[in-house]
N, C-alpha and C. Protein backbone atom coordinates (compact mmCIF):
# COMPACT_ATOMS: atom_id res chain seq x y z
N UNK A 1 12.13 9.54 -2.12
CA UNK A 1 11.07 9.77 -1.17
C UNK A 1 11.01 8.58 -0.22
N UNK A 2 11.10 8.84 1.06
CA UNK A 2 10.99 7.81 2.08
C UNK A 2 9.54 7.77 2.55
N UNK A 3 8.96 6.58 2.59
CA UNK A 3 7.59 6.39 3.06
C UNK A 3 7.65 6.15 4.56
N UNK A 4 6.98 7.02 5.31
CA UNK A 4 7.02 6.93 6.76
C UNK A 4 5.73 6.45 7.39
N UNK A 5 4.63 6.50 6.62
CA UNK A 5 3.33 6.19 7.22
C UNK A 5 2.37 5.62 6.19
N UNK A 6 1.37 4.93 6.69
CA UNK A 6 0.35 4.39 5.81
C UNK A 6 -0.35 5.45 5.00
N UNK A 7 -0.58 6.62 5.59
CA UNK A 7 -1.29 7.65 4.84
C UNK A 7 -0.48 8.17 3.66
N UNK A 8 0.83 7.93 3.64
CA UNK A 8 1.64 8.26 2.46
C UNK A 8 1.16 7.46 1.25
N UNK A 9 0.80 6.20 1.49
CA UNK A 9 0.28 5.36 0.40
C UNK A 9 -1.03 5.93 -0.15
N UNK A 10 -1.89 6.35 0.75
CA UNK A 10 -3.18 6.91 0.33
C UNK A 10 -2.96 8.16 -0.52
N UNK A 11 -2.03 9.00 -0.13
CA UNK A 11 -1.74 10.23 -0.88
C UNK A 11 -1.21 9.88 -2.28
N UNK A 12 -0.40 8.86 -2.39
CA UNK A 12 0.14 8.45 -3.69
C UNK A 12 -0.93 7.79 -4.58
N UNK A 13 -1.83 7.02 -3.98
CA UNK A 13 -2.81 6.26 -4.76
C UNK A 13 -4.05 7.06 -5.14
N UNK A 14 -4.47 7.98 -4.31
CA UNK A 14 -5.73 8.71 -4.55
C UNK A 14 -5.84 9.31 -5.95
N UNK A 15 -4.84 10.01 -6.48
CA UNK A 15 -5.00 10.59 -7.82
C UNK A 15 -5.16 9.55 -8.93
N UNK A 16 -4.75 8.32 -8.68
CA UNK A 16 -4.89 7.27 -9.68
C UNK A 16 -6.24 6.56 -9.57
N UNK A 17 -6.90 6.72 -8.43
CA UNK A 17 -8.20 6.07 -8.20
C UNK A 17 -9.35 7.04 -8.38
N UNK A 18 -9.15 8.30 -8.01
CA UNK A 18 -10.20 9.30 -8.20
C UNK A 18 -9.69 10.34 -9.19
N UNK A 19 -10.39 10.42 -10.32
CA UNK A 19 -10.03 11.38 -11.36
C UNK A 19 -11.29 12.10 -11.80
N UNK A 20 -11.23 13.43 -11.81
CA UNK A 20 -12.38 14.26 -12.18
C UNK A 20 -13.61 13.91 -11.32
N UNK A 21 -13.38 13.70 -10.02
CA UNK A 21 -14.41 13.36 -9.05
C UNK A 21 -15.13 12.05 -9.36
N UNK A 22 -14.49 11.17 -10.08
CA UNK A 22 -15.06 9.86 -10.40
C UNK A 22 -14.10 8.75 -9.96
N UNK A 23 -14.67 7.67 -9.41
CA UNK A 23 -13.86 6.52 -9.07
C UNK A 23 -13.45 5.78 -10.33
N UNK A 24 -12.18 5.50 -10.43
CA UNK A 24 -11.64 4.73 -11.54
C UNK A 24 -11.49 3.28 -11.07
N UNK A 25 -11.69 2.31 -11.96
CA UNK A 25 -11.57 0.90 -11.56
C UNK A 25 -10.10 0.45 -11.52
N UNK A 26 -9.30 1.13 -10.73
CA UNK A 26 -7.85 0.92 -10.72
C UNK A 26 -7.38 0.20 -9.47
N UNK A 27 -6.49 -0.74 -9.67
CA UNK A 27 -5.75 -1.34 -8.57
C UNK A 27 -4.35 -0.76 -8.64
N UNK A 28 -3.95 -0.07 -7.59
CA UNK A 28 -2.66 0.62 -7.56
C UNK A 28 -1.67 -0.21 -6.73
N UNK A 29 -0.49 -0.38 -7.28
CA UNK A 29 0.59 -1.09 -6.61
C UNK A 29 1.70 -0.09 -6.30
N UNK A 30 2.09 -0.01 -5.03
CA UNK A 30 3.14 0.91 -4.59
C UNK A 30 4.27 0.06 -4.00
N UNK A 31 5.45 0.22 -4.55
CA UNK A 31 6.60 -0.60 -4.15
C UNK A 31 7.66 0.25 -3.45
N UNK A 32 8.28 -0.34 -2.43
CA UNK A 32 9.33 0.31 -1.66
C UNK A 32 10.54 -0.61 -1.59
N UNK A 33 11.72 0.00 -1.48
CA UNK A 33 12.92 -0.82 -1.32
C UNK A 33 13.13 -1.15 0.16
N UNK A 34 14.23 -1.77 0.48
CA UNK A 34 14.50 -2.21 1.85
C UNK A 34 14.68 -1.05 2.83
N UNK A 35 14.94 0.17 2.32
CA UNK A 35 15.10 1.34 3.17
C UNK A 35 13.83 2.19 3.23
N UNK A 36 12.71 1.64 2.74
CA UNK A 36 11.41 2.32 2.72
C UNK A 36 11.38 3.48 1.73
N UNK A 37 12.26 3.46 0.76
CA UNK A 37 12.24 4.48 -0.28
C UNK A 37 11.33 4.01 -1.41
N UNK A 38 10.54 4.92 -1.92
CA UNK A 38 9.62 4.64 -3.00
C UNK A 38 10.39 4.18 -4.23
N UNK A 39 10.02 3.02 -4.78
CA UNK A 39 10.67 2.56 -6.00
C UNK A 39 9.72 2.55 -7.19
N UNK A 40 8.39 2.44 -6.95
CA UNK A 40 7.45 2.43 -8.07
C UNK A 40 6.03 2.63 -7.59
N UNK A 41 5.25 3.33 -8.41
CA UNK A 41 3.80 3.46 -8.23
C UNK A 41 3.20 3.18 -9.60
N UNK A 42 2.33 2.18 -9.66
CA UNK A 42 1.81 1.79 -10.96
C UNK A 42 0.37 1.30 -10.82
N UNK A 43 -0.39 1.45 -11.89
CA UNK A 43 -1.74 0.89 -11.97
C UNK A 43 -1.60 -0.48 -12.62
N UNK A 44 -2.12 -1.50 -11.95
CA UNK A 44 -2.08 -2.85 -12.48
C UNK A 44 -3.09 -2.94 -13.62
N UNK A 45 -2.71 -3.49 -14.77
CA UNK A 45 -3.63 -3.55 -15.91
C UNK A 45 -4.92 -4.30 -15.58
N UNK A 46 -6.03 -3.80 -16.09
CA UNK A 46 -7.34 -4.40 -15.88
C UNK A 46 -8.23 -3.52 -15.04
N UNK A 47 -9.52 -3.80 -15.07
CA UNK A 47 -10.50 -3.05 -14.29
C UNK A 47 -10.79 -3.76 -12.99
N UNK A 48 -10.51 -3.10 -11.88
CA UNK A 48 -10.76 -3.66 -10.56
C UNK A 48 -12.26 -3.58 -10.27
N UNK A 49 -12.85 -4.72 -9.91
CA UNK A 49 -14.29 -4.77 -9.62
C UNK A 49 -14.56 -5.37 -8.26
N UNK A 50 -13.65 -5.15 -7.31
CA UNK A 50 -13.87 -5.62 -5.94
C UNK A 50 -13.22 -6.94 -5.59
N UNK A 51 -12.50 -7.53 -6.52
CA UNK A 51 -11.88 -8.83 -6.30
C UNK A 51 -10.40 -8.77 -6.69
N UNK A 52 -9.53 -9.23 -5.80
CA UNK A 52 -8.09 -9.23 -6.06
C UNK A 52 -7.60 -10.44 -6.85
N UNK A 53 -8.38 -11.52 -6.84
CA UNK A 53 -7.94 -12.77 -7.46
C UNK A 53 -7.46 -12.59 -8.90
N UNK A 54 -8.21 -11.89 -9.77
CA UNK A 54 -7.73 -11.76 -11.15
C UNK A 54 -6.44 -10.95 -11.30
N UNK A 55 -6.05 -10.23 -10.25
CA UNK A 55 -4.87 -9.37 -10.30
C UNK A 55 -3.65 -9.96 -9.60
N UNK A 56 -3.86 -11.06 -8.91
CA UNK A 56 -2.80 -11.58 -8.06
C UNK A 56 -1.50 -11.85 -8.82
N UNK A 57 -1.57 -12.51 -9.96
CA UNK A 57 -0.36 -12.81 -10.72
C UNK A 57 0.32 -11.54 -11.21
N UNK A 58 -0.48 -10.56 -11.66
CA UNK A 58 0.08 -9.30 -12.15
C UNK A 58 0.75 -8.52 -11.03
N UNK A 59 0.17 -8.53 -9.84
CA UNK A 59 0.78 -7.85 -8.70
C UNK A 59 2.11 -8.53 -8.36
N UNK A 60 2.09 -9.84 -8.27
CA UNK A 60 3.33 -10.57 -7.94
C UNK A 60 4.40 -10.34 -9.01
N UNK A 61 3.99 -10.27 -10.27
CA UNK A 61 4.94 -10.00 -11.35
C UNK A 61 5.49 -8.57 -11.27
N UNK A 62 4.69 -7.65 -10.70
CA UNK A 62 5.12 -6.26 -10.56
C UNK A 62 6.06 -6.01 -9.40
N UNK A 63 6.27 -7.01 -8.58
CA UNK A 63 7.16 -6.88 -7.42
C UNK A 63 8.58 -7.29 -7.84
N UNK A 64 9.36 -6.32 -8.23
CA UNK A 64 10.73 -6.56 -8.69
C UNK A 64 11.61 -6.91 -7.49
N UNK A 65 12.16 -8.12 -7.46
CA UNK A 65 12.96 -8.53 -6.29
C UNK A 65 14.22 -7.68 -6.08
N UNK A 66 14.68 -7.00 -7.12
CA UNK A 66 15.86 -6.14 -6.97
C UNK A 66 15.52 -4.79 -6.34
N UNK A 67 14.28 -4.33 -6.50
CA UNK A 67 13.89 -3.00 -6.03
C UNK A 67 12.79 -2.99 -4.99
N UNK A 68 12.22 -4.15 -4.66
CA UNK A 68 11.05 -4.18 -3.78
C UNK A 68 11.27 -5.08 -2.59
N UNK A 69 11.05 -4.54 -1.42
CA UNK A 69 11.04 -5.31 -0.17
C UNK A 69 9.65 -5.21 0.47
N UNK A 70 9.05 -4.02 0.37
CA UNK A 70 7.73 -3.76 0.95
C UNK A 70 6.81 -3.23 -0.15
N UNK A 71 5.50 -3.46 0.03
CA UNK A 71 4.56 -2.93 -0.95
C UNK A 71 3.20 -2.70 -0.34
N UNK A 72 2.41 -1.92 -1.07
CA UNK A 72 1.03 -1.62 -0.65
C UNK A 72 0.14 -1.72 -1.88
N UNK A 73 -1.13 -1.96 -1.64
CA UNK A 73 -2.13 -1.95 -2.70
C UNK A 73 -3.25 -1.01 -2.31
N UNK A 74 -3.88 -0.42 -3.31
CA UNK A 74 -5.03 0.46 -3.07
C UNK A 74 -6.00 0.27 -4.22
N UNK A 75 -7.29 0.38 -3.91
CA UNK A 75 -8.32 0.20 -4.91
C UNK A 75 -9.55 1.00 -4.52
N UNK A 76 -10.49 1.19 -5.45
CA UNK A 76 -11.70 1.93 -5.12
C UNK A 76 -12.62 1.10 -4.23
N UNK A 77 -13.46 1.81 -3.47
CA UNK A 77 -14.47 1.13 -2.67
C UNK A 77 -14.23 1.27 -1.19
N UNK A 78 -14.74 0.29 -0.45
CA UNK A 78 -14.61 0.25 1.00
C UNK A 78 -14.52 -1.21 1.42
N UNK A 79 -14.28 -1.43 2.70
CA UNK A 79 -14.22 -2.78 3.24
C UNK A 79 -15.51 -3.05 3.99
N UNK A 80 -16.26 -4.07 3.59
CA UNK A 80 -17.49 -4.43 4.28
C UNK A 80 -17.26 -4.94 5.68
N UNK A 81 -16.07 -5.49 5.93
CA UNK A 81 -15.77 -6.04 7.25
C UNK A 81 -15.84 -4.97 8.34
N UNK A 82 -15.64 -3.71 7.95
CA UNK A 82 -15.70 -2.65 8.96
C UNK A 82 -17.11 -2.47 9.48
N UNK A 83 -18.09 -3.00 8.76
CA UNK A 83 -19.49 -2.91 9.18
C UNK A 83 -19.97 -4.23 9.77
N UNK A 84 -19.06 -5.11 10.07
CA UNK A 84 -19.42 -6.38 10.67
C UNK A 84 -19.68 -7.50 9.66
N UNK A 85 -19.51 -7.23 8.38
CA UNK A 85 -19.72 -8.25 7.36
C UNK A 85 -18.36 -8.77 6.90
N UNK A 86 -18.28 -10.07 6.59
CA UNK A 86 -17.02 -10.56 6.04
C UNK A 86 -16.76 -9.92 4.68
N UNK A 87 -15.52 -9.70 4.36
CA UNK A 87 -15.19 -9.07 3.08
C UNK A 87 -14.15 -9.94 2.37
N UNK A 88 -14.54 -10.54 1.25
CA UNK A 88 -13.59 -11.42 0.54
C UNK A 88 -12.30 -10.74 0.13
N UNK A 89 -12.34 -9.44 -0.18
CA UNK A 89 -11.11 -8.76 -0.63
C UNK A 89 -10.05 -8.75 0.47
N UNK A 90 -10.46 -8.76 1.72
CA UNK A 90 -9.49 -8.82 2.82
C UNK A 90 -8.85 -10.21 2.88
N UNK A 91 -9.65 -11.25 2.69
CA UNK A 91 -9.10 -12.61 2.65
C UNK A 91 -8.17 -12.77 1.44
N UNK A 92 -8.57 -12.20 0.32
CA UNK A 92 -7.74 -12.27 -0.89
C UNK A 92 -6.41 -11.55 -0.68
N UNK A 93 -6.44 -10.45 0.06
CA UNK A 93 -5.21 -9.72 0.37
C UNK A 93 -4.29 -10.56 1.25
N UNK A 94 -4.86 -11.32 2.18
CA UNK A 94 -4.03 -12.20 3.02
C UNK A 94 -3.37 -13.27 2.17
N UNK A 95 -4.10 -13.80 1.17
CA UNK A 95 -3.52 -14.78 0.26
C UNK A 95 -2.36 -14.16 -0.54
N UNK A 96 -2.58 -12.94 -1.05
CA UNK A 96 -1.53 -12.22 -1.77
C UNK A 96 -0.33 -11.97 -0.87
N UNK A 97 -0.61 -11.59 0.36
CA UNK A 97 0.46 -11.34 1.33
C UNK A 97 1.32 -12.59 1.53
N UNK A 98 0.68 -13.74 1.66
CA UNK A 98 1.42 -14.99 1.86
C UNK A 98 2.29 -15.33 0.66
N UNK A 99 1.73 -15.17 -0.54
CA UNK A 99 2.50 -15.48 -1.75
C UNK A 99 3.68 -14.52 -1.92
N UNK A 100 3.49 -13.27 -1.59
CA UNK A 100 4.59 -12.30 -1.66
C UNK A 100 5.66 -12.61 -0.61
N UNK A 101 5.23 -13.02 0.58
CA UNK A 101 6.18 -13.34 1.64
C UNK A 101 7.09 -14.50 1.24
N UNK A 102 6.55 -15.45 0.46
CA UNK A 102 7.37 -16.56 -0.04
C UNK A 102 8.50 -16.05 -0.93
N UNK A 103 8.32 -14.87 -1.51
CA UNK A 103 9.33 -14.26 -2.37
C UNK A 103 10.17 -13.24 -1.62
N UNK A 104 9.94 -13.11 -0.30
CA UNK A 104 10.73 -12.19 0.51
C UNK A 104 10.23 -10.76 0.53
N UNK A 105 8.95 -10.55 0.16
CA UNK A 105 8.38 -9.20 0.14
C UNK A 105 7.20 -9.12 1.11
N UNK A 106 7.02 -7.95 1.68
CA UNK A 106 6.02 -7.78 2.74
C UNK A 106 4.97 -6.76 2.36
N UNK A 107 3.69 -7.16 2.45
CA UNK A 107 2.57 -6.25 2.24
C UNK A 107 2.40 -5.43 3.51
N UNK A 108 2.55 -4.10 3.40
CA UNK A 108 2.43 -3.25 4.59
C UNK A 108 1.30 -2.23 4.46
N UNK A 109 0.59 -2.23 3.34
CA UNK A 109 -0.52 -1.30 3.16
C UNK A 109 -1.59 -1.86 2.26
N UNK A 110 -2.86 -1.71 2.67
CA UNK A 110 -4.01 -2.10 1.85
C UNK A 110 -5.10 -1.06 2.09
N UNK A 111 -5.41 -0.32 1.03
CA UNK A 111 -6.35 0.80 1.14
C UNK A 111 -7.52 0.66 0.19
N UNK A 112 -8.69 1.03 0.68
CA UNK A 112 -9.88 1.18 -0.15
C UNK A 112 -10.21 2.67 -0.12
N UNK A 113 -10.32 3.27 -1.30
CA UNK A 113 -10.47 4.72 -1.42
C UNK A 113 -11.77 5.03 -2.15
N UNK A 114 -12.50 6.02 -1.64
CA UNK A 114 -13.66 6.53 -2.38
C UNK A 114 -13.67 8.05 -2.30
N UNK A 115 -14.74 8.66 -2.80
CA UNK A 115 -14.79 10.12 -2.87
C UNK A 115 -14.80 10.79 -1.50
N UNK A 116 -15.21 10.06 -0.47
CA UNK A 116 -15.34 10.67 0.86
C UNK A 116 -14.12 10.44 1.76
N UNK A 117 -13.24 9.53 1.38
CA UNK A 117 -12.10 9.26 2.23
C UNK A 117 -11.47 7.93 1.88
N UNK A 118 -10.95 7.25 2.90
CA UNK A 118 -10.32 5.95 2.67
C UNK A 118 -10.45 5.09 3.91
N UNK A 119 -10.29 3.79 3.69
CA UNK A 119 -10.23 2.81 4.78
C UNK A 119 -8.90 2.08 4.62
N UNK A 120 -8.33 1.70 5.74
CA UNK A 120 -7.06 0.99 5.71
C UNK A 120 -7.18 -0.32 6.48
N UNK A 121 -6.70 -1.39 5.87
CA UNK A 121 -6.65 -2.68 6.56
C UNK A 121 -5.29 -2.88 7.23
N UNK A 122 -4.46 -1.87 7.16
CA UNK A 122 -3.11 -1.90 7.75
C UNK A 122 -2.88 -0.59 8.50
N UNK A 123 -1.64 -0.34 8.85
CA UNK A 123 -1.30 0.88 9.58
C UNK A 123 -1.65 2.12 8.75
N UNK A 124 -2.28 3.10 9.39
CA UNK A 124 -2.61 4.37 8.73
C UNK A 124 -1.62 5.47 9.10
N UNK A 125 -1.09 5.39 10.29
CA UNK A 125 -0.23 6.44 10.80
C UNK A 125 1.24 6.07 10.56
N UNK A 126 2.13 6.66 11.35
CA UNK A 126 3.56 6.42 11.19
C UNK A 126 3.92 5.00 11.59
N UNK A 127 4.68 4.32 10.74
CA UNK A 127 5.06 2.94 11.00
C UNK A 127 5.89 2.82 12.28
N UNK A 128 6.67 3.84 12.60
CA UNK A 128 7.49 3.81 13.80
C UNK A 128 6.65 3.71 15.07
N UNK A 129 5.37 4.02 14.99
CA UNK A 129 4.50 4.02 16.16
C UNK A 129 3.71 2.71 16.34
N UNK A 130 3.87 1.76 15.42
CA UNK A 130 3.12 0.52 15.47
C UNK A 130 4.02 -0.64 15.88
N UNK A 131 3.73 -1.28 17.01
CA UNK A 131 4.55 -2.43 17.43
C UNK A 131 4.57 -3.53 16.37
N UNK A 132 3.49 -3.68 15.61
CA UNK A 132 3.41 -4.72 14.58
C UNK A 132 4.45 -4.48 13.48
N UNK A 133 4.90 -3.26 13.33
CA UNK A 133 5.86 -2.93 12.28
C UNK A 133 7.26 -2.66 12.85
N UNK A 134 7.58 -3.30 13.94
CA UNK A 134 8.90 -3.12 14.56
C UNK A 134 10.03 -3.61 13.66
N UNK A 135 9.70 -4.46 12.68
CA UNK A 135 10.73 -4.99 11.79
C UNK A 135 11.06 -4.05 10.63
N UNK A 136 10.28 -2.98 10.44
CA UNK A 136 10.53 -2.04 9.35
C UNK A 136 11.67 -1.10 9.72
N UNK A 137 12.39 -0.59 8.71
CA UNK A 137 13.43 0.40 9.01
C UNK A 137 12.84 1.61 9.73
N UNK A 138 13.58 2.17 10.63
CA UNK A 138 13.11 3.32 11.42
C UNK A 138 13.27 4.58 10.57
N UNK A 139 12.22 5.00 9.91
CA UNK A 139 12.29 6.16 9.01
C UNK A 139 12.37 7.48 9.75
N UNK A 140 11.84 7.57 10.94
CA UNK A 140 11.93 8.81 11.71
C UNK A 140 13.39 9.11 12.03
N UNK A 141 14.15 8.08 12.30
CA UNK A 141 15.58 8.25 12.57
C UNK A 141 16.28 8.84 11.35
N UNK A 142 15.95 8.32 10.17
CA UNK A 142 16.56 8.84 8.94
C UNK A 142 16.25 10.32 8.77
N UNK A 143 15.02 10.70 8.98
CA UNK A 143 14.62 12.10 8.77
C UNK A 143 15.29 13.03 9.77
N UNK A 144 15.35 12.63 11.03
CA UNK A 144 15.91 13.52 12.04
C UNK A 144 17.40 13.76 11.84
N UNK A 145 18.06 12.88 11.10
CA UNK A 145 19.48 13.05 10.84
C UNK A 145 19.77 13.52 9.40
N UNK A 146 18.74 13.85 8.70
CA UNK A 146 18.89 14.29 7.32
C UNK A 146 19.22 15.78 7.28
N UNK A 147 20.00 16.18 6.29
CA UNK A 147 20.28 17.60 6.13
C UNK A 147 19.02 18.36 5.77
N UNK A 148 17.99 17.65 5.25
CA UNK A 148 16.73 18.32 4.89
C UNK A 148 15.86 18.58 6.12
N UNK A 149 16.17 17.93 7.23
CA UNK A 149 15.37 18.10 8.43
C UNK A 149 15.85 19.24 9.32
N UNK A 150 16.80 20.02 8.82
CA UNK A 150 17.37 21.11 9.62
C UNK A 150 17.29 22.42 8.88
N UNK A 151 17.10 23.46 9.60
CA UNK A 151 17.10 24.81 9.00
C UNK A 151 18.53 25.37 9.06
N UNK A 152 18.88 26.14 8.04
CA UNK A 152 20.16 26.85 8.06
C UNK A 152 21.31 26.19 7.47
């Protein structure tokens, strides 16, 4: 499976965060290889309570350097910064991003999910449409030349 957009992460993470119409205290880690192909989706051990700091080492340990170039995180809740308030989880994500970058991996998705929808601190739509993600592999090109993208 090739990940082409931020909303692909939300689709993968939602069933792990919302179960039986209830928010689960889950931090979801989604890993991609250098070609934007899905390599892993996993729940990081522990109960997420709005803070990434206790999970930082586990997330970094879950980033396999042989299979992971890009990754995303998702958790229950929302971002307070969208309402004009500072949100520590966004600062904590920047810290995680920096530590992962030192290992050659790039955080390209950060989602807060609740029963009504989701918020994204990164690209929500197709990565090919975001100038900030010009360094990512062009997944639309792969699809348009795939045998699966043609009828007959």
